[in-house]
Amino acid sequence: MATWFNKQSRLVQIILLLIPVVNWFIEIVVRWSAFLKTKSLVTLVVAILVTFFGLAFGWLDLIWCLLFKHLIFANA
């Protein structure tokens, strides 16, 4: 799912991250799929944090995505 998100156009990524409930769902799915792919401790910690505090990370990721075209620690 992280690869799918990264392949989307920047406009689609931004729209997905702008809608609050969709944002949280996309964050959870992308983070856990990135962890399953990389098995990194950093991606695990971020996936757990996003599960509980997804809206805060969502707005941060919106800005990060505008700059770098991928989510923070989910460049899988």
PDB file of N, CA and C in Angstrom:
ATOM      1  N   MET A   1       0.824  -1.192   0.000  1.00  0.00           N
ATOM      2  CA  MET A   1       0.000   0.000   0.000  1.00  0.00           C
ATOM      3  C   MET A   1       0.873   1.264   0.000  1.00  0.00           C
ATOM      4  N   ALA A   2       2.020   1.217   0.654  1.00  0.00           N
ATOM      5  CA  ALA A   2       2.912   2.371   0.647  1.00  0.00           C
ATOM      6  C   ALA A   2       3.413   2.639  -0.770  1.00  0.00           C
ATOM      7  N   THR A   3       3.712   1.587  -1.493  1.00  0.00           N
ATOM      8  CA  THR A   3       4.163   1.744  -2.873  1.00  0.00           C
ATOM      9  C   THR A   3       3.049   2.332  -3.730  1.00  0.00           C
ATOM     10  N   TRP A   4       1.824   1.855  -3.520  1.00  0.00           N
ATOM     11  CA  TRP A   4       0.678   2.382  -4.258  1.00  0.00           C
ATOM     12  C   TRP A   4       0.509   3.868  -3.981  1.00  0.00           C
ATOM     13  N   PHE A   5       0.593   4.258  -2.725  1.00  0.00           N
ATOM     14  CA  PHE A   5       0.424   5.669  -2.369  1.00  0.00           C
ATOM     15  C   PHE A   5       1.520   6.519  -3.000  1.00  0.00           C
ATOM     16  N   ASN A   6       2.738   6.043  -2.976  1.00  0.00           N
ATOM     17  CA  ASN A   6       3.855   6.805  -3.531  1.00  0.00           C
ATOM     18  C   ASN A   6       3.775   6.934  -5.048  1.00  0.00           C
ATOM     19  N   LYS A   7       3.080   5.998  -5.723  1.00  0.00           N
ATOM     20  CA  LYS A   7       2.939   6.049  -7.179  1.00  0.00           C
ATOM     21  C   LYS A   7       1.830   6.996  -7.628  1.00  0.00           C
ATOM     22  N   GLN A   8       0.969   7.400  -6.716  1.00  0.00           N
ATOM     23  CA  GLN A   8      -0.121   8.308  -7.071  1.00  0.00           C
ATOM     24  C   GLN A   8       0.430   9.691  -7.396  1.00  0.00           C
ATOM     25  N   SER A   9      -0.348  10.430  -8.172  1.00  0.00           N
ATOM     26  CA  SER A   9       0.068  11.803  -8.464  1.00  0.00           C
ATOM     27  C   SER A   9       0.037  12.609  -7.171  1.00  0.00           C
ATOM     28  N   ARG A  10       0.771  13.673  -7.161  1.00  0.00           N
ATOM     29  CA  ARG A  10       0.839  14.499  -5.960  1.00  0.00           C
ATOM     30  C   ARG A  10      -0.536  15.062  -5.605  1.00  0.00           C
ATOM     31  N   LEU A  11      -1.343  15.375  -6.599  1.00  0.00           N
ATOM     32  CA  LEU A  11      -2.685  15.896  -6.350  1.00  0.00           C
ATOM     33  C   LEU A  11      -3.542  14.867  -5.624  1.00  0.00           C
ATOM     34  N   VAL A  12      -3.494  13.618  -6.057  1.00  0.00           N
ATOM     35  CA  VAL A  12      -4.261  12.548  -5.392  1.00  0.00           C
ATOM     36  C   VAL A  12      -3.758  12.349  -3.972  1.00  0.00           C
ATOM     37  N   GLN A  13      -2.452  12.354  -3.777  1.00  0.00           N
ATOM     38  CA  GLN A  13      -1.898  12.212  -2.432  1.00  0.00           C
ATOM     39  C   GLN A  13      -2.384  13.322  -1.516  1.00  0.00           C
ATOM     40  N   ILE A  14      -2.364  14.539  -1.996  1.00  0.00           N
ATOM     41  CA  ILE A  14      -2.778  15.683  -1.187  1.00  0.00           C
ATOM     42  C   ILE A  14      -4.267  15.600  -0.872  1.00  0.00           C
ATOM     43  N   ILE A  15      -5.084  15.233  -1.840  1.00  0.00           N
ATOM     44  CA  ILE A  15      -6.525  15.103  -1.591  1.00  0.00           C
ATOM     45  C   ILE A  15      -6.793  14.024  -0.552  1.00  0.00           C
ATOM     46  N   LEU A  16      -6.095  12.892  -0.651  1.00  0.00           N
ATOM     47  CA  LEU A  16      -6.283  11.824   0.331  1.00  0.00           C
ATOM     48  C   LEU A  16      -5.864  12.264   1.733  1.00  0.00           C
ATOM     49  N   LEU A  17      -4.867  13.107   1.822  1.00  0.00           N
ATOM     50  CA  LEU A  17      -4.390  13.567   3.124  1.00  0.00           C
ATOM     51  C   LEU A  17      -5.171  14.768   3.664  1.00  0.00           C
ATOM     52  N   LEU A  18      -5.945  15.433   2.825  1.00  0.00           N
ATOM     53  CA  LEU A  18      -6.735  16.578   3.280  1.00  0.00           C
ATOM     54  C   LEU A  18      -8.034  16.173   3.975  1.00  0.00           C
ATOM     55  N   ILE A  19      -8.618  15.055   3.593  1.00  0.00           N
ATOM     56  CA  ILE A  19      -9.899  14.616   4.155  1.00  0.00           C
ATOM     57  C   ILE A  19      -9.610  13.897   5.471  1.00  0.00           C
ATOM     58  N   PRO A  20     -10.099  14.417   6.615  1.00  0.00           N
ATOM     59  CA  PRO A  20      -9.693  13.915   7.932  1.00  0.00           C
ATOM     60  C   PRO A  20      -9.865  12.409   8.163  1.00  0.00           C
ATOM     61  N   VAL A  21     -11.005  11.824   7.921  1.00  0.00           N
ATOM     62  CA  VAL A  21     -11.192  10.391   8.193  1.00  0.00           C
ATOM     63  C   VAL A  21     -10.421   9.548   7.182  1.00  0.00           C
ATOM     64  N   VAL A  22     -10.439   9.971   5.937  1.00  0.00           N
ATOM     65  CA  VAL A  22      -9.678   9.270   4.899  1.00  0.00           C
ATOM     66  C   VAL A  22      -8.186   9.367   5.202  1.00  0.00           C
ATOM     67  N   ASN A  23      -7.771  10.520   5.667  1.00  0.00           N
ATOM     68  CA  ASN A  23      -6.379  10.758   6.051  1.00  0.00           C
ATOM     69  C   ASN A  23      -5.932   9.729   7.085  1.00  0.00           C
ATOM     70  N   TRP A  24      -6.703   9.583   8.141  1.00  0.00           N
ATOM     71  CA  TRP A  24      -6.350   8.655   9.216  1.00  0.00           C
ATOM     72  C   TRP A  24      -6.300   7.220   8.700  1.00  0.00           C
ATOM     73  N   PHE A  25      -7.276   6.815   7.873  1.00  0.00           N
ATOM     74  CA  PHE A  25      -7.301   5.466   7.304  1.00  0.00           C
ATOM     75  C   PHE A  25      -6.088   5.225   6.409  1.00  0.00           C
ATOM     76  N   ILE A  26      -5.793   6.167   5.529  1.00  0.00           N
ATOM     77  CA  ILE A  26      -4.633   6.035   4.635  1.00  0.00           C
ATOM     78  C   ILE A  26      -3.341   5.963   5.445  1.00  0.00           C
ATOM     79  N   GLU A  27      -3.225   6.809   6.459  1.00  0.00           N
ATOM     80  CA  GLU A  27      -2.039   6.790   7.318  1.00  0.00           C
ATOM     81  C   GLU A  27      -1.836   5.406   7.939  1.00  0.00           C
ATOM     82  N   ILE A  28      -2.884   4.838   8.518  1.00  0.00           N
ATOM     83  CA  ILE A  28      -2.772   3.534   9.181  1.00  0.00           C
ATOM     84  C   ILE A  28      -2.384   2.450   8.184  1.00  0.00           C
ATOM     85  N   VAL A  29      -3.076   2.397   7.064  1.00  0.00           N
ATOM     86  CA  VAL A  29      -2.815   1.341   6.079  1.00  0.00           C
ATOM     87  C   VAL A  29      -1.408   1.461   5.492  1.00  0.00           C
ATOM     88  N   VAL A  30      -1.014   2.671   5.140  1.00  0.00           N
ATOM     89  CA  VAL A  30       0.310   2.876   4.545  1.00  0.00           C
ATOM     90  C   VAL A  30       1.406   2.586   5.560  1.00  0.00           C
ATOM     91  N   ARG A  31       1.238   3.051   6.793  1.00  0.00           N
ATOM     92  CA  ARG A  31       2.272   2.839   7.826  1.00  0.00           C
ATOM     93  C   ARG A  31       2.462   1.364   8.149  1.00  0.00           C
ATOM     94  N   TRP A  32       1.347   0.633   8.350  1.00  0.00           N
ATOM     95  CA  TRP A  32       1.488  -0.790   8.693  1.00  0.00           C
ATOM     96  C   TRP A  32       2.008  -1.606   7.513  1.00  0.00           C
ATOM     97  N   SER A  33       1.640  -1.240   6.284  1.00  0.00           N
ATOM     98  CA  SER A  33       2.191  -1.968   5.133  1.00  0.00           C
ATOM     99  C   SER A  33       3.676  -1.661   4.963  1.00  0.00           C
ATOM    100  N   ALA A  34       4.078  -0.416   5.262  1.00  0.00           N
ATOM    101  CA  ALA A  34       5.511  -0.076   5.200  1.00  0.00           C
ATOM    102  C   ALA A  34       6.277  -0.862   6.259  1.00  0.00           C
ATOM    103  N   PHE A  35       5.696  -1.016   7.446  1.00  0.00           N
ATOM    104  CA  PHE A  35       6.368  -1.801   8.482  1.00  0.00           C
ATOM    105  C   PHE A  35       6.482  -3.266   8.065  1.00  0.00           C
ATOM    106  N   LEU A  36       5.413  -3.835   7.524  1.00  0.00           N
ATOM    107  CA  LEU A  36       5.465  -5.233   7.102  1.00  0.00           C
ATOM    108  C   LEU A  36       6.486  -5.464   5.996  1.00  0.00           C
ATOM    109  N   LYS A  37       6.715  -4.451   5.180  1.00  0.00           N
ATOM    110  CA  LYS A  37       7.689  -4.574   4.095  1.00  0.00           C
ATOM    111  C   LYS A  37       9.123  -4.394   4.597  1.00  0.00           C
ATOM    112  N   THR A  38       9.362  -3.434   5.511  1.00  0.00           N
ATOM    113  CA  THR A  38      10.727  -3.121   5.915  1.00  0.00           C
ATOM    114  C   THR A  38      11.158  -3.789   7.221  1.00  0.00           C
ATOM    115  N   LYS A  39      10.211  -4.079   8.096  1.00  0.00           N
ATOM    116  CA  LYS A  39      10.485  -4.679   9.424  1.00  0.00           C
ATOM    117  C   LYS A  39      11.455  -3.818  10.243  1.00  0.00           C
ATOM    118  N   SER A  40      11.345  -2.510  10.083  1.00  0.00           N
ATOM    119  CA  SER A  40      12.219  -1.577  10.784  1.00  0.00           C
ATOM    120  C   SER A  40      11.576  -1.138  12.098  1.00  0.00           C
ATOM    121  N   LEU A  41      12.397  -0.915  13.096  1.00  0.00           N
ATOM    122  CA  LEU A  41      11.899  -0.454  14.388  1.00  0.00           C
ATOM    123  C   LEU A  41      11.278   0.941  14.269  1.00  0.00           C
ATOM    124  N   VAL A  42      11.872   1.792  13.456  1.00  0.00           N
ATOM    125  CA  VAL A  42      11.349   3.152  13.270  1.00  0.00           C
ATOM    126  C   VAL A  42       9.956   3.104  12.650  1.00  0.00           C
ATOM    127  N   THR A  43       9.765   2.286  11.617  1.00  0.00           N
ATOM    128  CA  THR A  43       8.442   2.204  10.993  1.00  0.00           C
ATOM    129  C   THR A  43       7.422   1.582  11.935  1.00  0.00           C
ATOM    130  N   LEU A  44       7.850   0.674  12.803  1.00  0.00           N
ATOM    131  CA  LEU A  44       6.938   0.107  13.794  1.00  0.00           C
ATOM    132  C   LEU A  44       6.478   1.163  14.790  1.00  0.00           C
ATOM    133  N   VAL A  45       7.411   1.941  15.305  1.00  0.00           N
ATOM    134  CA  VAL A  45       7.064   2.986  16.274  1.00  0.00           C
ATOM    135  C   VAL A  45       6.140   4.013  15.635  1.00  0.00           C
ATOM    136  N   VAL A  46       6.444   4.430  14.411  1.00  0.00           N
ATOM    137  CA  VAL A  46       5.603   5.411  13.732  1.00  0.00           C
ATOM    138  C   VAL A  46       4.230   4.819  13.434  1.00  0.00           C
ATOM    139  N   ALA A  47       4.156   3.552  13.051  1.00  0.00           N
ATOM    140  CA  ALA A  47       2.861   2.915  12.791  1.00  0.00           C
ATOM    141  C   ALA A  47       2.006   2.867  14.053  1.00  0.00           C
ATOM    142  N   ILE A  48       2.604   2.570  15.178  1.00  0.00           N
ATOM    143  CA  ILE A  48       1.863   2.539  16.448  1.00  0.00           C
ATOM    144  C   ILE A  48       1.391   3.943  16.812  1.00  0.00           C
ATOM    145  N   LEU A  49       2.267   4.929  16.668  1.00  0.00           N
ATOM    146  CA  LEU A  49       1.886   6.315  16.974  1.00  0.00           C
ATOM    147  C   LEU A  49       0.761   6.807  16.062  1.00  0.00           C
ATOM    148  N   VAL A  50       0.838   6.473  14.784  1.00  0.00           N
ATOM    149  CA  VAL A  50      -0.193   6.902  13.834  1.00  0.00           C
ATOM    150  C   VAL A  50      -1.527   6.235  14.139  1.00  0.00           C
ATOM    151  N   THR A  51      -1.490   5.012  14.635  1.00  0.00           N
ATOM    152  CA  THR A  51      -2.731   4.329  14.967  1.00  0.00           C
ATOM    153  C   THR A  51      -3.514   5.102  16.023  1.00  0.00           C
ATOM    154  N   PHE A  52      -2.829   5.713  16.968  1.00  0.00           N
ATOM    155  CA  PHE A  52      -3.514   6.434  18.038  1.00  0.00           C
ATOM    156  C   PHE A  52      -3.581   7.942  17.819  1.00  0.00           C
ATOM    157  N   PHE A  53      -2.588   8.504  17.148  1.00  0.00           N
ATOM    158  CA  PHE A  53      -2.525   9.950  16.939  1.00  0.00           C
ATOM    159  C   PHE A  53      -2.458  10.281  15.454  1.00  0.00           C
ATOM    160  N   GLY A  54      -3.259   9.605  14.651  1.00  0.00           N
ATOM    161  CA  GLY A  54      -3.185   9.715  13.198  1.00  0.00           C
ATOM    162  C   GLY A  54      -3.484  11.080  12.635  1.00  0.00           C
ATOM    163  N   LEU A  55      -4.399  11.820  13.247  1.00  0.00           N
ATOM    164  CA  LEU A  55      -4.753  13.120  12.690  1.00  0.00           C
ATOM    165  C   LEU A  55      -3.597  14.107  12.786  1.00  0.00           C
ATOM    166  N   ALA A  56      -2.869  14.081  13.876  1.00  0.00           N
ATOM    167  CA  ALA A  56      -1.710  14.972  14.023  1.00  0.00           C
ATOM    168  C   ALA A  56      -0.631  14.618  13.000  1.00  0.00           C
ATOM    169  N   PHE A  57      -0.358  13.335  12.837  1.00  0.00           N
ATOM    170  CA  PHE A  57       0.631  12.906  11.848  1.00  0.00           C
ATOM    171  C   PHE A  57       0.147  13.193  10.433  1.00  0.00           C
ATOM    172  N   GLY A  58      -1.161  13.124  10.238  1.00  0.00           N
ATOM    173  CA  GLY A  58      -1.721  13.371   8.912  1.00  0.00           C
ATOM    174  C   GLY A  58      -1.423  14.758   8.399  1.00  0.00           C
ATOM    175  N   TRP A  59      -1.563  15.762   9.245  1.00  0.00           N
ATOM    176  CA  TRP A  59      -1.276  17.129   8.821  1.00  0.00           C
ATOM    177  C   TRP A  59       0.218  17.328   8.598  1.00  0.00           C
ATOM    178  N   LEU A  60       1.035  16.716   9.425  1.00  0.00           N
ATOM    179  CA  LEU A  60       2.481  16.783   9.228  1.00  0.00           C
ATOM    180  C   LEU A  60       2.871  16.088   7.920  1.00  0.00           C
ATOM    181  N   ASP A  61       2.258  14.939   7.669  1.00  0.00           N
ATOM    182  CA  ASP A  61       2.538  14.211   6.430  1.00  0.00           C
ATOM    183  C   ASP A  61       2.029  14.947   5.198  1.00  0.00           C
ATOM    184  N   LEU A  62       0.967  15.713   5.356  1.00  0.00           N
ATOM    185  CA  LEU A  62       0.473  16.520   4.237  1.00  0.00           C
ATOM    186  C   LEU A  62       1.557  17.499   3.787  1.00  0.00           C
ATOM    187  N   ILE A  63       2.179  18.164   4.727  1.00  0.00           N
ATOM    188  CA  ILE A  63       3.256  19.104   4.402  1.00  0.00           C
ATOM    189  C   ILE A  63       4.464  18.365   3.843  1.00  0.00           C
ATOM    190  N   TRP A  64       4.820  17.243   4.473  1.00  0.00           N
ATOM    191  CA  TRP A  64       5.958  16.444   4.008  1.00  0.00           C
ATOM    192  C   TRP A  64       5.720  15.941   2.586  1.00  0.00           C
ATOM    193  N   CYS A  65       4.490  15.520   2.319  1.00  0.00           N
ATOM    194  CA  CYS A  65       4.137  15.009   0.997  1.00  0.00           C
ATOM    195  C   CYS A  65       4.211  16.114  -0.061  1.00  0.00           C
ATOM    196  N   LEU A  66       3.825  17.312   0.320  1.00  0.00           N
ATOM    197  CA  LEU A  66       3.960  18.442  -0.611  1.00  0.00           C
ATOM    198  C   LEU A  66       5.416  18.666  -0.998  1.00  0.00           C
ATOM    199  N   LEU A  67       6.312  18.475  -0.039  1.00  0.00           N
ATOM    200  CA  LEU A  67       7.725  18.732  -0.286  1.00  0.00           C
ATOM    201  C   LEU A  67       8.450  17.563  -0.949  1.00  0.00           C
ATOM    202  N   PHE A  68       8.167  16.323  -0.512  1.00  0.00           N
ATOM    203  CA  PHE A  68       8.987  15.183  -0.926  1.00  0.00           C
ATOM    204  C   PHE A  68       8.243  14.055  -1.638  1.00  0.00           C
ATOM    205  N   LYS A  69       6.914  14.167  -1.792  1.00  0.00           N
ATOM    206  CA  LYS A  69       6.088  13.201  -2.534  1.00  0.00           C
ATOM    207  C   LYS A  69       6.043  11.801  -1.903  1.00  0.00           C
ATOM    208  N   HIS A  70       6.244  11.717  -0.596  1.00  0.00           N
ATOM    209  CA  HIS A  70       6.034  10.478   0.141  1.00  0.00           C
ATOM    210  C   HIS A  70       5.813  10.822   1.599  1.00  0.00           C
ATOM    211  N   LEU A  71       5.317   9.856   2.364  1.00  0.00           N
ATOM    212  CA  LEU A  71       5.081  10.074   3.786  1.00  0.00           C
ATOM    213  C   LEU A  71       6.380   9.924   4.565  1.00  0.00           C
ATOM    214  N   ILE A  72       6.433  10.526   5.742  1.00  0.00           N
ATOM    215  CA  ILE A  72       7.618  10.449   6.588  1.00  0.00           C
ATOM    216  C   ILE A  72       7.836   8.995   7.011  1.00  0.00           C
ATOM    217  N   PHE A  73       9.020   8.478   6.845  1.00  0.00           N
ATOM    218  CA  PHE A  73       9.414   7.118   7.216  1.00  0.00           C
ATOM    219  C   PHE A  73       8.568   6.042   6.529  1.00  0.00           C
ATOM    220  N   ALA A  74       7.973   6.362   5.390  1.00  0.00           N
ATOM    221  CA  ALA A  74       7.191   5.359   4.649  1.00  0.00           C
ATOM    222  C   ALA A  74       7.538   5.415   3.174  1.00  0.00           C
ATOM    223  N   ASN A  75       8.782   5.585   2.866  1.00  0.00           N
ATOM    224  CA  ASN A  75       9.230   5.641   1.485  1.00  0.00           C
ATOM    225  C   ASN A  75       9.589   4.244   1.003  1.00  0.00           C
ATOM    226  N   ALA A  76       8.623   3.355   1.055  1.00  0.00           N
ATOM    227  CA  ALA A  76       8.856   1.948   0.693  1.00  0.00           C
ATOM    228  C   ALA A  76       8.668   1.721  -0.791  1.00  0.00           C
TER     229      ALA A  76
END
